Amino acid sequence: MCGVLTGSQIGENCFRISKASPPCVKKNSRCGCERDAKQANAFIAADFEQSEQTRVYIGEWHTHPEPHPTPSAIDGNSIIMNYHTAKRAMPFLIMIIVGLESLYVSVFDGEKFLKVDLTII
């Protein structure tokens, strides 16, 4: 499964992931997912309007069939491509991989991926 993330900036170098879309799937298999851009864009646009233009596209999520996920080369290349082609309001994209027991979270800033720990509030 795969989808998109929306959020906002809440302080200096502090960002909130506000919503994760439901699955936006065009094609799906055990080890791959092709996101449906039309569904994803509709979710992003609706959340932007519902939030009075405060929540924007900030990244992608998808699942891996492993307990503790690690990104593949395909995962990284997908985020890099989205970074360079998507309309972004933030200078980064977040990638969350949902595993069977844990999450992998990283941020791509246009040059490198930084693994991060989420703070759940």
Foldseek 3Di string as FASTA:
>chain_A
DKAFWKWAADDVVRIDGDDTDDQQFPDDDQADTDGNVVVRVVVQVVVCVVVVNGIHTAEMEEEHAAQEDDDDPVRVVVLLVCLVPPDDPDQWHWYWYDYPHDIWIWIGRNPDIDTDDDDDD
